Amino acid sequence: MYEIFTYGKFEVDPSNEEAFVEAWSEFASWASEQPGAATIRLFRDVRNPGRFVSLGQWDDADAVRNWKSSTEFKERRP
């Protein structure tokens, strides 16, 4: 058995980290309300503080496809 997830890797300039985290949080809040969304989390690399990884758990691949193909996804993506 396996789980469906989405993955995003971000390299953020130190001067923009706070704004990035705020924008990501708003995006994640919206994404977590989409059909099939489960847990969405942001991780920060200990060795490279400007590197962030986002993981989202989803019920199935169709939910991810529907979410990523929406106009709102393209408009809201950080």
N, C-alpha and C. Protein backbone atom coordinates (compact mmCIF):
# COMPACT_ATOMS: atom_id res chain seq x y z
N MET A 1 0.84 -1.18 0.00
CA MET A 1 0.00 0.00 0.00
C MET A 1 0.89 1.24 0.00
N TYR A 2 0.43 2.28 -0.61
CA TYR A 2 1.19 3.53 -0.66
C TYR A 2 0.24 4.70 -0.45
N GLU A 3 0.83 5.87 -0.22
CA GLU A 3 0.06 7.09 -0.04
C GLU A 3 0.36 8.04 -1.19
N ILE A 4 -0.59 8.87 -1.52
CA ILE A 4 -0.43 9.87 -2.56
C ILE A 4 0.00 11.19 -1.90
N PHE A 5 1.04 11.81 -2.46
CA PHE A 5 1.47 13.08 -1.91
C PHE A 5 1.97 14.02 -3.00
N THR A 6 1.97 15.31 -2.68
CA THR A 6 2.55 16.32 -3.54
C THR A 6 3.80 16.84 -2.85
N TYR A 7 4.71 17.36 -3.64
CA TYR A 7 6.01 17.77 -3.14
C TYR A 7 6.42 19.07 -3.80
N GLY A 8 6.90 20.00 -3.01
CA GLY A 8 7.43 21.24 -3.56
C GLY A 8 8.72 21.59 -2.85
N LYS A 9 9.73 22.01 -3.62
CA LYS A 9 11.01 22.42 -3.05
C LYS A 9 11.20 23.90 -3.37
N PHE A 10 11.57 24.68 -2.36
CA PHE A 10 11.70 26.12 -2.51
C PHE A 10 13.04 26.59 -1.97
N GLU A 11 13.72 27.41 -2.73
CA GLU A 11 14.95 28.09 -2.30
C GLU A 11 14.57 29.55 -2.08
N VAL A 12 14.67 30.02 -0.84
CA VAL A 12 14.17 31.33 -0.48
C VAL A 12 15.32 32.20 0.03
N ASP A 13 15.42 33.40 -0.50
CA ASP A 13 16.41 34.36 -0.03
C ASP A 13 16.10 34.70 1.43
N PRO A 14 17.12 34.79 2.28
CA PRO A 14 16.88 35.07 3.70
C PRO A 14 16.01 36.31 3.95
N SER A 15 16.13 37.30 3.09
CA SER A 15 15.33 38.52 3.28
C SER A 15 13.85 38.30 2.97
N ASN A 16 13.52 37.19 2.30
CA ASN A 16 12.13 36.91 1.92
C ASN A 16 11.49 35.75 2.67
N GLU A 17 12.22 35.17 3.63
CA GLU A 17 11.72 33.98 4.30
C GLU A 17 10.38 34.20 5.01
N GLU A 18 10.26 35.29 5.73
CA GLU A 18 9.02 35.55 6.47
C GLU A 18 7.84 35.70 5.51
N ALA A 19 8.04 36.44 4.43
CA ALA A 19 6.97 36.63 3.44
C ALA A 19 6.63 35.31 2.77
N PHE A 20 7.65 34.49 2.49
CA PHE A 20 7.40 33.19 1.87
C PHE A 20 6.55 32.31 2.78
N VAL A 21 6.94 32.21 4.04
CA VAL A 21 6.20 31.36 4.99
C VAL A 21 4.76 31.84 5.13
N GLU A 22 4.55 33.14 5.14
CA GLU A 22 3.20 33.67 5.23
C GLU A 22 2.39 33.31 3.98
N ALA A 23 2.99 33.49 2.79
CA ALA A 23 2.31 33.15 1.53
C ALA A 23 2.04 31.65 1.46
N TRP A 24 3.02 30.84 1.87
CA TRP A 24 2.83 29.39 1.84
C TRP A 24 1.69 28.99 2.79
N SER A 25 1.65 29.61 3.97
CA SER A 25 0.60 29.28 4.95
C SER A 25 -0.79 29.57 4.40
N GLU A 26 -0.93 30.70 3.72
CA GLU A 26 -2.22 31.02 3.11
C GLU A 26 -2.58 30.01 2.02
N PHE A 27 -1.59 29.66 1.20
CA PHE A 27 -1.80 28.67 0.14
C PHE A 27 -2.19 27.32 0.74
N ALA A 28 -1.47 26.90 1.76
CA ALA A 28 -1.74 25.60 2.40
C ALA A 28 -3.11 25.57 3.06
N SER A 29 -3.52 26.68 3.64
CA SER A 29 -4.84 26.75 4.24
C SER A 29 -5.92 26.54 3.18
N TRP A 30 -5.76 27.21 2.05
CA TRP A 30 -6.70 27.03 0.94
C TRP A 30 -6.64 25.59 0.41
N ALA A 31 -5.43 25.08 0.18
CA ALA A 31 -5.27 23.74 -0.38
C ALA A 31 -5.87 22.67 0.52
N SER A 32 -5.76 22.85 1.83
CA SER A 32 -6.27 21.84 2.75
C SER A 32 -7.79 21.74 2.74
N GLU A 33 -8.46 22.74 2.16
CA GLU A 33 -9.91 22.71 2.05
C GLU A 33 -10.40 22.05 0.76
N GLN A 34 -9.47 21.66 -0.11
CA GLN A 34 -9.85 21.07 -1.40
C GLN A 34 -10.27 19.61 -1.22
N PRO A 35 -11.17 19.14 -2.07
CA PRO A 35 -11.60 17.74 -1.97
C PRO A 35 -10.42 16.78 -2.09
N GLY A 36 -10.32 15.87 -1.15
CA GLY A 36 -9.27 14.86 -1.18
C GLY A 36 -7.99 15.26 -0.46
N ALA A 37 -7.91 16.50 0.02
CA ALA A 37 -6.70 16.94 0.72
C ALA A 37 -6.69 16.40 2.15
N ALA A 38 -5.50 16.06 2.59
CA ALA A 38 -5.32 15.60 3.97
C ALA A 38 -4.34 16.56 4.65
N THR A 39 -3.20 16.06 5.06
CA THR A 39 -2.21 16.88 5.76
C THR A 39 -1.30 17.61 4.78
N ILE A 40 -1.07 18.89 5.03
CA ILE A 40 -0.15 19.68 4.22
C ILE A 40 0.82 20.36 5.18
N ARG A 41 2.13 20.12 4.96
CA ARG A 41 3.12 20.61 5.92
C ARG A 41 4.31 21.24 5.21
N LEU A 42 4.96 22.14 5.91
CA LEU A 42 6.16 22.81 5.41
C LEU A 42 7.33 22.44 6.32
N PHE A 43 8.45 22.04 5.70
CA PHE A 43 9.65 21.66 6.42
C PHE A 43 10.79 22.58 6.01
N ARG A 44 11.69 22.84 6.95
CA ARG A 44 12.85 23.69 6.68
C ARG A 44 14.11 22.86 6.88
N ASP A 45 15.04 22.99 5.96
CA ASP A 45 16.31 22.26 6.01
C ASP A 45 17.21 22.86 7.10
N VAL A 46 17.71 22.03 7.98
CA VAL A 46 18.57 22.49 9.08
C VAL A 46 19.91 23.00 8.54
N ARG A 47 20.45 22.33 7.55
CA ARG A 47 21.76 22.71 7.00
C ARG A 47 21.69 23.90 6.06
N ASN A 48 20.54 24.13 5.45
CA ASN A 48 20.36 25.25 4.53
C ASN A 48 19.04 25.93 4.87
N PRO A 49 19.07 26.90 5.78
CA PRO A 49 17.84 27.51 6.27
C PRO A 49 16.95 28.12 5.18
N GLY A 50 17.50 28.47 4.03
CA GLY A 50 16.70 29.03 2.95
C GLY A 50 15.98 27.99 2.12
N ARG A 51 16.19 26.73 2.42
CA ARG A 51 15.55 25.64 1.66
C ARG A 51 14.36 25.11 2.44
N PHE A 52 13.23 25.10 1.75
CA PHE A 52 11.99 24.60 2.33
C PHE A 52 11.43 23.49 1.45
N VAL A 53 10.77 22.53 2.08
CA VAL A 53 10.11 21.45 1.36
C VAL A 53 8.67 21.39 1.87
N SER A 54 7.76 21.31 0.93
CA SER A 54 6.34 21.22 1.24
C SER A 54 5.85 19.83 0.83
N LEU A 55 5.13 19.18 1.74
CA LEU A 55 4.54 17.87 1.44
C LEU A 55 3.04 17.93 1.74
N GLY A 56 2.27 17.43 0.80
CA GLY A 56 0.83 17.36 0.98
C GLY A 56 0.35 15.94 0.77
N GLN A 57 -0.42 15.44 1.68
CA GLN A 57 -0.99 14.09 1.59
C GLN A 57 -2.39 14.21 1.01
N TRP A 58 -2.72 13.31 0.08
CA TRP A 58 -4.01 13.35 -0.62
C TRP A 58 -4.65 11.98 -0.61
N ASP A 59 -5.97 11.97 -0.75
CA ASP A 59 -6.71 10.71 -0.77
C ASP A 59 -6.41 9.87 -1.99
N ASP A 60 -6.29 10.54 -3.15
CA ASP A 60 -6.03 9.80 -4.39
C ASP A 60 -5.45 10.72 -5.46
N ALA A 61 -4.95 10.12 -6.52
CA ALA A 61 -4.30 10.88 -7.60
C ALA A 61 -5.29 11.78 -8.34
N ASP A 62 -6.54 11.38 -8.44
CA ASP A 62 -7.54 12.22 -9.11
C ASP A 62 -7.73 13.54 -8.36
N ALA A 63 -7.70 13.50 -7.04
CA ALA A 63 -7.85 14.72 -6.25
C ALA A 63 -6.69 15.68 -6.54
N VAL A 64 -5.49 15.15 -6.66
CA VAL A 64 -4.32 15.98 -6.97
C VAL A 64 -4.45 16.57 -8.37
N ARG A 65 -4.83 15.74 -9.33
CA ARG A 65 -4.98 16.24 -10.71
C ARG A 65 -6.04 17.35 -10.79
N ASN A 66 -7.15 17.14 -10.13
CA ASN A 66 -8.21 18.16 -10.14
C ASN A 66 -7.75 19.45 -9.49
N TRP A 67 -7.05 19.34 -8.39
CA TRP A 67 -6.55 20.51 -7.68
C TRP A 67 -5.52 21.26 -8.52
N LYS A 68 -4.54 20.54 -9.07
CA LYS A 68 -3.49 21.20 -9.83
C LYS A 68 -3.97 21.76 -11.17
N SER A 69 -5.05 21.25 -11.70
CA SER A 69 -5.55 21.75 -12.98
C SER A 69 -6.52 22.92 -12.81
N SER A 70 -6.83 23.26 -11.56
CA SER A 70 -7.77 24.36 -11.32
C SER A 70 -7.11 25.71 -11.59
N THR A 71 -7.91 26.66 -12.00
CA THR A 71 -7.42 28.02 -12.23
C THR A 71 -6.91 28.62 -10.93
N GLU A 72 -7.60 28.33 -9.84
CA GLU A 72 -7.20 28.87 -8.54
C GLU A 72 -5.80 28.40 -8.13
N PHE A 73 -5.47 27.16 -8.45
CA PHE A 73 -4.13 26.65 -8.11
C PHE A 73 -3.07 27.52 -8.78
N LYS A 74 -3.24 27.77 -10.05
CA LYS A 74 -2.25 28.57 -10.80
C LYS A 74 -2.17 29.99 -10.26
N GLU A 75 -3.28 30.55 -9.83
CA GLU A 75 -3.31 31.92 -9.31
C GLU A 75 -2.73 32.03 -7.90
N ARG A 76 -2.91 31.00 -7.10
CA ARG A 76 -2.52 31.06 -5.68
C ARG A 76 -1.13 30.52 -5.37
N ARG A 77 -0.58 29.74 -6.24
CA ARG A 77 0.69 29.07 -5.97
C ARG A 77 1.77 30.08 -5.58
N PRO A 78 2.48 29.81 -4.44
CA PRO A 78 3.52 30.75 -3.99
C PRO A 78 4.74 30.73 -4.89
